[in-house]
């Protein structure tokens, strides 16, 4: 999808950047999952709900 947006003649490169960002994001998640690294953020502070 990102390559298709890059090759598009309309010149709208924001879609290209969005899809490339997603592609790298999912690639990094897959690499972390492969080596069993927990990549999720967990807030260790107690919640301050009243």
N, C-alpha and C. Protein backbone atom coordinates (compact mmCIF):
# COMPACT_ATOMS: atom_id res chain seq x y z
N UNK A 1 0.82 -1.18 0.00
CA UNK A 1 0.00 0.00 0.00
C UNK A 1 0.87 1.26 0.00
N UNK A 2 1.92 1.24 0.81
CA UNK A 2 2.79 2.42 0.88
C UNK A 2 3.48 2.67 -0.45
N UNK A 3 3.93 1.60 -1.10
CA UNK A 3 4.60 1.77 -2.40
C UNK A 3 3.61 2.29 -3.43
N UNK A 4 2.37 1.83 -3.38
CA UNK A 4 1.35 2.32 -4.30
C UNK A 4 1.10 3.81 -4.08
N UNK A 5 1.08 4.24 -2.83
CA UNK A 5 0.91 5.67 -2.54
C UNK A 5 2.10 6.48 -3.03
N UNK A 6 3.31 5.92 -2.90
CA UNK A 6 4.53 6.61 -3.34
C UNK A 6 4.51 6.80 -4.86
N UNK A 7 4.04 5.78 -5.56
CA UNK A 7 4.02 5.82 -7.02
C UNK A 7 2.81 6.58 -7.57
N UNK A 8 1.89 6.95 -6.73
CA UNK A 8 0.68 7.67 -7.15
C UNK A 8 1.06 9.05 -7.70
N UNK A 9 0.41 9.45 -8.77
CA UNK A 9 0.76 10.72 -9.42
C UNK A 9 0.15 11.94 -8.74
N UNK A 10 -0.69 11.73 -7.72
CA UNK A 10 -1.34 12.88 -7.07
C UNK A 10 -0.38 13.65 -6.18
N UNK A 11 0.71 13.04 -5.77
CA UNK A 11 1.69 13.73 -4.94
C UNK A 11 1.30 13.82 -3.48
N UNK A 12 0.35 13.00 -3.04
CA UNK A 12 -0.07 13.00 -1.65
C UNK A 12 0.82 12.03 -0.87
N UNK A 13 1.91 12.54 -0.32
CA UNK A 13 2.88 11.68 0.34
C UNK A 13 2.56 11.45 1.81
N UNK A 14 1.55 12.12 2.35
CA UNK A 14 1.19 11.89 3.75
C UNK A 14 0.64 10.48 3.93
N UNK A 15 -0.09 9.97 2.94
CA UNK A 15 -0.57 8.59 3.00
C UNK A 15 0.60 7.61 2.97
N UNK A 16 1.60 7.91 2.16
CA UNK A 16 2.79 7.07 2.09
C UNK A 16 3.46 7.00 3.46
N UNK A 17 3.64 8.14 4.10
CA UNK A 17 4.29 8.17 5.41
C UNK A 17 3.47 7.43 6.45
N UNK A 18 2.17 7.55 6.39
CA UNK A 18 1.30 6.84 7.33
C UNK A 18 1.47 5.33 7.18
N UNK A 19 1.45 4.85 5.95
CA UNK A 19 1.55 3.41 5.73
C UNK A 19 2.95 2.88 6.03
N UNK A 20 3.97 3.66 5.77
CA UNK A 20 5.33 3.23 6.11
C UNK A 20 5.49 3.18 7.63
N UNK A 21 4.91 4.14 8.33
CA UNK A 21 4.97 4.14 9.79
C UNK A 21 4.31 2.88 10.34
N UNK A 22 3.14 2.55 9.82
CA UNK A 22 2.45 1.34 10.26
C UNK A 22 3.27 0.09 9.96
N UNK A 23 3.88 0.04 8.78
CA UNK A 23 4.67 -1.13 8.40
C UNK A 23 5.84 -1.33 9.36
N UNK A 24 6.58 -0.28 9.68
CA UNK A 24 7.69 -0.39 10.63
C UNK A 24 7.19 -0.74 12.02
N UNK A 25 6.08 -0.18 12.40
CA UNK A 25 5.49 -0.46 13.71
C UNK A 25 5.18 -1.95 13.85
N UNK A 26 4.51 -2.52 12.86
CA UNK A 26 4.17 -3.94 12.91
C UNK A 26 5.40 -4.82 12.79
N UNK A 27 6.39 -4.39 12.03
CA UNK A 27 7.63 -5.14 11.92
C UNK A 27 8.35 -5.22 13.27
N UNK A 28 8.42 -4.09 13.97
CA UNK A 28 9.06 -4.09 15.29
C UNK A 28 8.27 -4.95 16.27
N UNK A 29 6.95 -4.90 16.23
CA UNK A 29 6.15 -5.76 17.10
C UNK A 29 6.45 -7.23 16.82
N UNK A 30 6.56 -7.58 15.56
CA UNK A 30 6.84 -8.98 15.21
C UNK A 30 8.21 -9.40 15.70
N UNK A 31 9.20 -8.54 15.58
CA UNK A 31 10.55 -8.86 16.06
C UNK A 31 10.56 -9.03 17.58
N UNK A 32 9.90 -8.14 18.29
CA UNK A 32 9.82 -8.25 19.75
C UNK A 32 9.10 -9.53 20.15
N UNK A 33 8.02 -9.85 19.46
CA UNK A 33 7.27 -11.06 19.76
C UNK A 33 8.12 -12.30 19.51
N UNK A 34 8.91 -12.26 18.45
CA UNK A 34 9.76 -13.39 18.08
C UNK A 34 10.79 -13.71 19.17
N UNK A 35 11.37 -12.67 19.79
CA UNK A 35 12.39 -12.89 20.83
C UNK A 35 11.79 -12.79 22.23
N UNK A 36 10.45 -12.80 22.30
CA UNK A 36 9.71 -12.82 23.56
C UNK A 36 10.00 -11.62 24.46
N UNK A 37 10.01 -10.43 23.87
CA UNK A 37 10.16 -9.18 24.62
C UNK A 37 8.77 -8.56 24.74
N UNK A 38 8.38 -8.24 25.97
CA UNK A 38 7.09 -7.60 26.18
C UNK A 38 7.23 -6.12 25.83
N UNK A 39 6.63 -5.69 24.75
CA UNK A 39 6.78 -4.33 24.25
C UNK A 39 5.64 -3.41 24.68
N UNK A 40 4.70 -3.94 25.47
CA UNK A 40 3.57 -3.12 25.90
C UNK A 40 3.97 -2.24 27.08
N UNK A 41 3.42 -1.03 27.12
CA UNK A 41 3.67 -0.10 28.21
C UNK A 41 2.65 -0.33 29.31
N UNK A 42 3.14 -0.45 30.51
CA UNK A 42 2.25 -0.59 31.67
C UNK A 42 2.61 0.47 32.68
N UNK A 43 1.63 1.25 33.07
CA UNK A 43 1.83 2.29 34.07
C UNK A 43 1.79 1.62 35.44
N UNK A 44 2.89 1.70 36.17
CA UNK A 44 2.98 1.04 37.47
C UNK A 44 2.46 1.90 38.61
N UNK A 45 2.14 3.16 38.31
CA UNK A 45 1.61 4.04 39.35
C UNK A 45 0.16 3.65 39.66
N UNK A 46 -0.23 3.76 40.93
CA UNK A 46 -1.64 3.47 41.25
C UNK A 46 -2.55 4.50 40.60
N UNK A 47 -3.72 4.04 40.18
CA UNK A 47 -4.65 4.96 39.53
C UNK A 47 -5.20 5.95 40.55
N UNK A 48 -5.47 7.14 40.10
CA UNK A 48 -5.94 8.20 41.00
C UNK A 48 -7.41 8.50 40.76
N UNK A 49 -8.24 7.47 40.69
CA UNK A 49 -9.66 7.69 40.50
C UNK A 49 -10.31 7.98 41.84
N UNK A 50 -11.23 8.91 41.83
CA UNK A 50 -11.90 9.31 43.09
C UNK A 50 -13.28 8.74 43.18
